């Protein structure tokens, strides 16, 4: 039982460190590129994971509560601040404008249909009245 634990524990530590390294953004990997850390973790399966957890990853929370961008090293110096759609005033305004324009078009088409239907009914009533006036059976 103890022998199995001696093999399972380092293997579990290696797997956990490997997955943690893969999920870590590039700009949070310290001292070496992330690819190098992956090789170290896999090649040195007892020491590699321990070194990764001790020195390989930035362990403090980033400023502003955001996760640093994976492109911030060398490509960009900051991450675009994305806002949820229901908190983005520009997005909400575009939805309102789109809804208003499409509703106006729908409303105008519906109004034209109602007016045409009303005219048709008025003409039918006028015809019915004229037919009654022209009817010789009328007392």
N, C-alpha and C. Protein backbone atom coordinates (compact mmCIF):
# COMPACT_ATOMS: atom_id res chain seq x y z
N UNK A 1 0.83 -1.20 0.00
CA UNK A 1 0.00 0.00 0.00
C UNK A 1 0.87 1.25 0.00
N UNK A 2 1.90 1.27 0.83
CA UNK A 2 2.79 2.42 0.91
C UNK A 2 3.58 2.61 -0.38
N UNK A 3 3.93 1.47 -1.00
CA UNK A 3 4.65 1.56 -2.28
C UNK A 3 3.77 2.20 -3.36
N UNK A 4 2.50 1.84 -3.39
CA UNK A 4 1.58 2.42 -4.37
C UNK A 4 1.43 3.92 -4.13
N UNK A 5 1.38 4.31 -2.86
CA UNK A 5 1.27 5.73 -2.53
C UNK A 5 2.50 6.51 -2.99
N UNK A 6 3.67 5.87 -2.93
CA UNK A 6 4.91 6.52 -3.37
C UNK A 6 4.90 6.80 -4.87
N UNK A 7 4.13 6.06 -5.64
CA UNK A 7 4.03 6.30 -7.08
C UNK A 7 2.82 7.17 -7.43
N UNK A 8 1.73 6.98 -6.73
CA UNK A 8 0.50 7.70 -7.05
C UNK A 8 0.58 9.17 -6.66
N UNK A 9 1.17 9.47 -5.51
CA UNK A 9 1.24 10.85 -5.04
C UNK A 9 2.06 11.74 -5.99
N UNK A 10 3.29 11.36 -6.39
CA UNK A 10 4.01 12.21 -7.36
C UNK A 10 3.31 12.29 -8.72
N UNK A 11 2.66 11.20 -9.13
CA UNK A 11 1.95 11.22 -10.40
C UNK A 11 0.77 12.20 -10.34
N UNK A 12 0.02 12.16 -9.24
CA UNK A 12 -1.09 13.09 -9.07
C UNK A 12 -0.60 14.53 -9.00
N UNK A 13 0.51 14.76 -8.32
CA UNK A 13 1.09 16.10 -8.23
C UNK A 13 1.53 16.59 -9.61
N UNK A 14 2.12 15.70 -10.39
CA UNK A 14 2.56 16.06 -11.74
C UNK A 14 1.37 16.39 -12.63
N UNK A 15 0.33 15.59 -12.57
CA UNK A 15 -0.86 15.85 -13.39
C UNK A 15 -1.50 17.17 -12.99
N UNK A 16 -1.61 17.41 -11.69
CA UNK A 16 -2.21 18.66 -11.22
C UNK A 16 -1.38 19.87 -11.66
N UNK A 17 -0.05 19.78 -11.53
CA UNK A 17 0.83 20.87 -11.94
C UNK A 17 0.76 21.09 -13.45
N UNK A 18 0.69 20.01 -14.21
CA UNK A 18 0.60 20.12 -15.67
C UNK A 18 -0.68 20.84 -16.08
N UNK A 19 -1.80 20.45 -15.50
CA UNK A 19 -3.08 21.09 -15.83
C UNK A 19 -3.07 22.55 -15.36
N UNK A 20 -2.51 22.82 -14.19
CA UNK A 20 -2.42 24.19 -13.68
C UNK A 20 -1.56 25.05 -14.60
N UNK A 21 -0.47 24.49 -15.09
CA UNK A 21 0.40 25.23 -16.01
C UNK A 21 -0.32 25.51 -17.33
N UNK A 22 -1.04 24.53 -17.84
CA UNK A 22 -1.76 24.74 -19.10
C UNK A 22 -2.84 25.81 -18.96
N UNK A 23 -3.48 25.89 -17.80
CA UNK A 23 -4.55 26.86 -17.60
C UNK A 23 -4.05 28.24 -17.18
N UNK A 24 -2.78 28.37 -16.94
CA UNK A 24 -2.21 29.65 -16.53
C UNK A 24 -1.95 30.52 -17.76
N UNK A 25 -2.40 31.78 -17.75
CA UNK A 25 -2.08 32.68 -18.87
C UNK A 25 -0.56 32.89 -18.98
N UNK A 26 -0.12 33.13 -20.19
CA UNK A 26 1.32 33.25 -20.46
C UNK A 26 1.99 34.32 -19.61
N UNK A 27 1.29 35.44 -19.36
CA UNK A 27 1.93 36.52 -18.62
C UNK A 27 1.94 36.28 -17.11
N UNK A 28 1.37 35.19 -16.63
CA UNK A 28 1.46 34.85 -15.22
C UNK A 28 2.54 33.82 -14.94
N UNK A 29 3.13 33.25 -15.98
CA UNK A 29 4.25 32.31 -15.81
C UNK A 29 5.51 33.12 -15.56
N UNK A 30 6.17 32.83 -14.43
CA UNK A 30 7.36 33.61 -14.06
C UNK A 30 8.64 32.89 -14.49
N UNK A 31 9.66 33.67 -14.74
CA UNK A 31 11.04 33.23 -14.98
C UNK A 31 11.26 32.53 -16.31
N UNK A 32 10.33 31.73 -16.78
CA UNK A 32 10.50 30.99 -18.04
C UNK A 32 9.20 31.04 -18.83
N UNK A 33 9.29 30.81 -20.14
CA UNK A 33 8.05 30.70 -20.92
C UNK A 33 7.23 29.49 -20.46
N UNK A 34 5.97 29.53 -20.73
CA UNK A 34 5.07 28.47 -20.29
C UNK A 34 5.44 27.11 -20.89
N UNK A 35 5.89 27.09 -22.13
CA UNK A 35 6.29 25.84 -22.78
C UNK A 35 7.45 25.20 -22.02
N UNK A 36 8.39 26.01 -21.57
CA UNK A 36 9.53 25.49 -20.81
C UNK A 36 9.05 24.89 -19.48
N UNK A 37 8.10 25.55 -18.85
CA UNK A 37 7.55 25.02 -17.60
C UNK A 37 6.86 23.68 -17.83
N UNK A 38 6.18 23.53 -18.93
CA UNK A 38 5.51 22.26 -19.24
C UNK A 38 6.54 21.14 -19.37
N UNK A 39 7.64 21.43 -20.10
CA UNK A 39 8.69 20.41 -20.24
C UNK A 39 9.32 20.08 -18.89
N UNK A 40 9.57 21.08 -18.06
CA UNK A 40 10.16 20.83 -16.74
C UNK A 40 9.23 19.96 -15.89
N UNK A 41 7.94 20.28 -15.92
CA UNK A 41 6.98 19.51 -15.13
C UNK A 41 6.92 18.06 -15.60
N UNK A 42 6.93 17.85 -16.91
CA UNK A 42 6.80 16.49 -17.44
C UNK A 42 8.11 15.69 -17.36
N UNK A 43 9.25 16.34 -17.55
CA UNK A 43 10.53 15.61 -17.52
C UNK A 43 11.01 15.32 -16.11
N UNK A 44 10.83 16.25 -15.22
CA UNK A 44 11.28 16.08 -13.84
C UNK A 44 10.04 15.91 -12.97
N UNK A 45 9.46 14.74 -12.99
CA UNK A 45 8.11 14.52 -12.49
C UNK A 45 7.96 14.58 -10.99
N UNK A 46 9.02 14.69 -10.22
CA UNK A 46 8.87 14.92 -8.78
C UNK A 46 9.28 16.35 -8.44
N UNK A 47 10.42 16.77 -8.95
CA UNK A 47 10.94 18.11 -8.65
C UNK A 47 10.23 19.17 -9.49
N UNK A 48 9.88 18.88 -10.73
CA UNK A 48 9.26 19.85 -11.63
C UNK A 48 7.98 20.45 -11.09
N UNK A 49 7.02 19.64 -10.66
CA UNK A 49 5.80 20.20 -10.11
C UNK A 49 6.03 21.04 -8.85
N UNK A 50 6.95 20.60 -8.00
CA UNK A 50 7.24 21.37 -6.78
C UNK A 50 7.82 22.73 -7.13
N UNK A 51 8.75 22.76 -8.10
CA UNK A 51 9.34 24.03 -8.53
C UNK A 51 8.28 24.92 -9.18
N UNK A 52 7.37 24.32 -9.97
CA UNK A 52 6.29 25.09 -10.60
C UNK A 52 5.43 25.78 -9.54
N UNK A 53 5.02 25.03 -8.52
CA UNK A 53 4.18 25.61 -7.49
C UNK A 53 4.93 26.64 -6.64
N UNK A 54 6.24 26.44 -6.48
CA UNK A 54 7.02 27.37 -5.65
C UNK A 54 7.41 28.64 -6.39
N UNK A 55 7.82 28.52 -7.66
CA UNK A 55 8.38 29.68 -8.34
C UNK A 55 7.87 29.93 -9.75
N UNK A 56 7.02 29.08 -10.26
CA UNK A 56 6.68 29.18 -11.68
C UNK A 56 5.47 30.03 -12.01
N UNK A 57 4.65 30.32 -11.02
CA UNK A 57 3.40 31.00 -11.33
C UNK A 57 3.22 32.19 -10.41
N UNK A 58 2.69 33.25 -10.97
CA UNK A 58 2.33 34.43 -10.20
C UNK A 58 1.17 34.05 -9.30
N UNK A 59 1.35 34.15 -7.99
CA UNK A 59 0.34 33.66 -7.05
C UNK A 59 -0.49 34.75 -6.41
N UNK A 60 -0.23 36.00 -6.68
CA UNK A 60 -1.05 37.05 -6.07
C UNK A 60 -2.12 37.48 -7.08
N UNK A 61 -3.18 38.05 -6.54
CA UNK A 61 -4.27 38.51 -7.40
C UNK A 61 -3.82 39.73 -8.19
N UNK A 62 -4.12 39.81 -9.47
CA UNK A 62 -3.74 40.97 -10.27
C UNK A 62 -4.51 42.22 -9.82
N UNK A 63 -3.92 43.36 -10.10
CA UNK A 63 -4.53 44.64 -9.71
C UNK A 63 -5.86 44.82 -10.43
N UNK A 64 -6.81 45.37 -9.72
CA UNK A 64 -8.12 45.65 -10.31
C UNK A 64 -9.02 44.44 -10.38
N UNK A 65 -8.57 43.30 -9.85
CA UNK A 65 -9.39 42.11 -9.84
C UNK A 65 -9.55 41.45 -11.19
N UNK A 66 -8.74 41.83 -12.15
CA UNK A 66 -8.87 41.24 -13.48
C UNK A 66 -7.78 40.21 -13.71
N UNK A 67 -8.00 39.35 -14.65
CA UNK A 67 -6.98 38.39 -15.05
C UNK A 67 -6.16 39.04 -16.15
N UNK A 68 -4.83 39.05 -16.03
CA UNK A 68 -4.02 39.64 -17.09
C UNK A 68 -4.21 38.93 -18.41
N UNK A 69 -4.04 39.68 -19.46
CA UNK A 69 -4.23 39.13 -20.80
C UNK A 69 -3.09 38.21 -21.17
N UNK A 70 -3.37 37.14 -21.90
CA UNK A 70 -2.29 36.30 -22.37
C UNK A 70 -1.44 36.99 -23.43
N UNK A 71 -1.88 38.12 -23.94
CA UNK A 71 -1.14 38.84 -24.98
C UNK A 71 -0.37 40.04 -24.43
N UNK A 72 -0.33 40.20 -23.12
CA UNK A 72 0.25 41.42 -22.58
C UNK A 72 1.77 41.43 -22.63
N UNK A 73 2.42 40.31 -22.76
CA UNK A 73 3.87 40.31 -22.85
C UNK A 73 4.31 40.51 -24.30
N UNK A 74 4.78 41.68 -24.60
CA UNK A 74 5.34 41.94 -25.91
C UNK A 74 4.34 42.36 -26.97
N UNK A 75 3.10 42.01 -26.86
CA UNK A 75 2.13 42.34 -27.89
C UNK A 75 1.26 43.53 -27.49
N UNK A 76 0.69 43.45 -26.32
CA UNK A 76 -0.14 44.54 -25.81
C UNK A 76 0.27 44.80 -24.38
N UNK A 77 0.06 46.02 -23.94
CA UNK A 77 0.44 46.33 -22.57
C UNK A 77 -0.74 46.29 -21.62
N UNK A 78 -1.95 46.19 -22.14
CA UNK A 78 -3.12 46.11 -21.27
C UNK A 78 -4.21 45.30 -21.94
N UNK A 79 -5.11 44.83 -21.16
CA UNK A 79 -6.23 44.06 -21.66
C UNK A 79 -7.43 44.97 -21.84
N UNK A 80 -8.15 44.75 -22.89
CA UNK A 80 -9.39 45.52 -23.10
C UNK A 80 -10.37 45.13 -22.01
N UNK A 81 -11.00 46.11 -21.42
CA UNK A 81 -11.96 45.85 -20.36
C UNK A 81 -13.31 45.55 -20.99
N UNK A 82 -13.67 44.28 -21.03
CA UNK A 82 -14.95 43.89 -21.57
C UNK A 82 -16.00 44.01 -20.49
N UNK A 83 -17.16 44.44 -20.90
CA UNK A 83 -18.26 44.63 -19.98
C UNK A 83 -19.37 43.68 -20.42
N UNK A 84 -20.09 43.15 -19.45
CA UNK A 84 -21.22 42.29 -19.78
C UNK A 84 -22.22 43.08 -20.63
N UNK A 85 -22.87 42.44 -21.58
CA UNK A 85 -23.78 43.17 -22.47
C UNK A 85 -24.86 43.96 -21.74
N UNK A 86 -25.37 43.42 -20.65
CA UNK A 86 -26.43 44.16 -19.96
C UNK A 86 -25.90 45.32 -19.13
N UNK A 87 -24.56 45.46 -19.02
CA UNK A 87 -23.95 46.59 -18.34
C UNK A 87 -23.32 47.59 -19.31
N UNK A 88 -23.33 47.29 -20.58
CA UNK A 88 -22.68 48.13 -21.58
C UNK A 88 -23.71 49.10 -22.16
N UNK A 89 -23.60 50.41 -21.83
CA UNK A 89 -24.60 51.37 -22.31
C UNK A 89 -24.65 51.49 -23.83
N UNK A 90 -23.50 51.35 -24.50
CA UNK A 90 -23.50 51.46 -25.96
C UNK A 90 -24.28 50.30 -26.59
N UNK A 91 -24.07 49.10 -26.05
CA UNK A 91 -24.78 47.93 -26.57
C UNK A 91 -26.29 48.07 -26.33
N UNK A 92 -26.67 48.51 -25.14
CA UNK A 92 -28.09 48.68 -24.83
C UNK A 92 -28.72 49.74 -25.72
N UNK A 93 -27.97 50.83 -26.00
CA UNK A 93 -28.49 51.88 -26.88
C UNK A 93 -28.68 51.33 -28.30
N UNK A 94 -27.72 50.53 -28.76
CA UNK A 94 -27.87 49.96 -30.11
C UNK A 94 -29.07 49.03 -30.18
N UNK A 95 -29.34 48.29 -29.10
CA UNK A 95 -30.52 47.43 -29.08
C UNK A 95 -31.80 48.25 -29.12
N UNK A 96 -31.83 49.34 -28.33
CA UNK A 96 -33.02 50.19 -28.32
C UNK A 96 -33.26 50.82 -29.69
N UNK A 97 -32.17 51.31 -30.32
CA UNK A 97 -32.30 51.92 -31.64
C UNK A 97 -32.80 50.89 -32.66
N UNK A 98 -32.23 49.71 -32.60
CA UNK A 98 -32.63 48.65 -33.54
C UNK A 98 -34.07 48.25 -33.31
N UNK A 99 -34.44 48.12 -32.05
CA UNK A 99 -35.82 47.73 -31.74
C UNK A 99 -36.79 48.83 -32.17
N UNK A 100 -36.41 50.07 -31.92
CA UNK A 100 -37.29 51.18 -32.30
C UNK A 100 -37.48 51.23 -33.81
N UNK A 101 -36.39 51.07 -34.56
CA UNK A 101 -36.52 51.15 -36.02
C UNK A 101 -37.30 49.96 -36.56
N UNK A 102 -37.08 48.78 -36.03
CA UNK A 102 -37.82 47.62 -36.54
C UNK A 102 -39.27 47.67 -36.08
N UNK A 103 -39.52 48.20 -34.87
CA UNK A 103 -40.90 48.32 -34.41
C UNK A 103 -41.65 49.35 -35.23
N UNK A 104 -40.98 50.46 -35.59
CA UNK A 104 -41.63 51.47 -36.41
C UNK A 104 -42.02 50.90 -37.76
N UNK A 105 -41.14 50.12 -38.35
CA UNK A 105 -41.44 49.52 -39.65
C UNK A 105 -42.61 48.55 -39.51
N UNK A 106 -42.58 47.73 -38.46
CA UNK A 106 -43.67 46.78 -38.23
C UNK A 106 -44.98 47.52 -37.94
N UNK A 107 -44.89 48.56 -37.13
CA UNK A 107 -46.09 49.32 -36.78
C UNK A 107 -46.69 50.00 -38.01
N UNK A 108 -45.82 50.56 -38.86
CA UNK A 108 -46.32 51.22 -40.07
C UNK A 108 -46.98 50.22 -41.01
N UNK A 109 -46.38 49.04 -41.15
CA UNK A 109 -46.98 48.03 -42.02
C UNK A 109 -48.30 47.56 -41.46
N UNK A 110 -48.37 47.37 -40.14
CA UNK A 110 -49.62 46.96 -39.50
C UNK A 110 -50.69 48.03 -39.66
N UNK A 111 -50.30 49.30 -39.49
CA UNK A 111 -51.24 50.40 -39.65
C UNK A 111 -51.78 50.47 -41.08
N UNK A 112 -50.92 50.29 -42.08
CA UNK A 112 -51.36 50.29 -43.48
C UNK A 112 -52.34 49.15 -43.74
N UNK A 113 -52.06 47.97 -43.17
CA UNK A 113 -52.98 46.84 -43.33
C UNK A 113 -54.34 47.15 -42.70
N UNK A 114 -54.33 47.75 -41.51
CA UNK A 114 -55.59 48.08 -40.84
C UNK A 114 -56.37 49.13 -41.64
N UNK A 115 -55.66 50.14 -42.18
CA UNK A 115 -56.33 51.16 -42.97
C UNK A 115 -56.94 50.55 -44.23
N UNK A 116 -56.21 49.66 -44.88
CA UNK A 116 -56.75 49.02 -46.09
C UNK A 116 -57.97 48.17 -45.74
N UNK A 117 -57.89 47.46 -44.62
CA UNK A 117 -59.03 46.65 -44.19
C UNK A 117 -60.24 47.53 -43.86
N UNK A 118 -59.99 48.66 -43.20
CA UNK A 118 -61.07 49.60 -42.86
C UNK A 118 -61.72 50.16 -44.13
N UNK A 119 -60.90 50.56 -45.11
CA UNK A 119 -61.45 51.08 -46.37
C UNK A 119 -62.30 50.02 -47.07
N UNK A 120 -61.81 48.78 -47.09
CA UNK A 120 -62.55 47.70 -47.73
C UNK A 120 -63.90 47.49 -47.05
N UNK A 121 -63.91 47.50 -45.72
CA UNK A 121 -65.17 47.31 -44.99
C UNK A 121 -66.13 48.49 -45.22
N UNK A 122 -65.57 49.71 -45.25
CA UNK A 122 -66.43 50.87 -45.51
C UNK A 122 -67.05 50.78 -46.89
N UNK A 123 -66.27 50.35 -47.87
CA UNK A 123 -66.81 50.21 -49.23
C UNK A 123 -67.88 49.12 -49.27
N UNK A 124 -67.66 48.01 -48.54
CA UNK A 124 -68.68 46.96 -48.49
C UNK A 124 -69.97 47.47 -47.84
N UNK A 125 -69.83 48.28 -46.78
CA UNK A 125 -71.02 48.85 -46.14
C UNK A 125 -71.74 49.81 -47.07
N UNK A 126 -70.99 50.64 -47.78
CA UNK A 126 -71.62 51.57 -48.73
C UNK A 126 -72.34 50.81 -49.83
N UNK A 127 -71.72 49.75 -50.32
CA UNK A 127 -72.37 48.93 -51.34
C UNK A 127 -73.63 48.29 -50.81
N UNK A 128 -73.55 47.78 -49.59
CA UNK A 128 -74.72 47.15 -48.97
C UNK A 128 -75.83 48.18 -48.79
N UNK A 129 -75.51 49.42 -48.38
CA UNK A 129 -76.51 50.47 -48.23
C UNK A 129 -77.12 50.85 -49.58
N UNK A 130 -76.28 50.95 -50.60
CA UNK A 130 -76.80 51.28 -51.93
C UNK A 130 -77.69 50.17 -52.47
N UNK A 131 -77.30 48.92 -52.19
CA UNK A 131 -78.12 47.81 -52.65
C UNK A 131 -79.48 47.83 -51.95
N UNK A 132 -79.49 48.20 -50.66
CA UNK A 132 -80.75 48.27 -49.95
C UNK A 132 -81.62 49.41 -50.48
N UNK A 133 -81.00 50.54 -50.82
CA UNK A 133 -81.75 51.67 -51.38
C UNK A 133 -82.31 51.36 -52.76
N UNK A 134 -81.58 50.60 -53.53
CA UNK A 134 -82.02 50.25 -54.88
C UNK A 134 -82.95 49.03 -54.90
N UNK A 135 -83.15 48.38 -53.78
CA UNK A 135 -83.97 47.18 -53.70
C UNK A 135 -85.45 47.52 -53.88
N UNK A 136 -86.15 46.98 -54.89
CA UNK A 136 -87.56 47.32 -55.14
C UNK A 136 -88.51 46.71 -54.13
N UNK A 137 -88.10 45.77 -53.35
CA UNK A 137 -88.99 45.13 -52.40
C UNK A 137 -89.14 45.96 -51.14
N UNK A 138 -88.44 47.04 -51.06
CA UNK A 138 -88.46 47.87 -49.87
C UNK A 138 -89.81 48.58 -49.76
N UNK A 139 -90.45 48.59 -48.61
CA UNK A 139 -91.80 49.19 -48.48
C UNK A 139 -91.82 50.67 -48.51
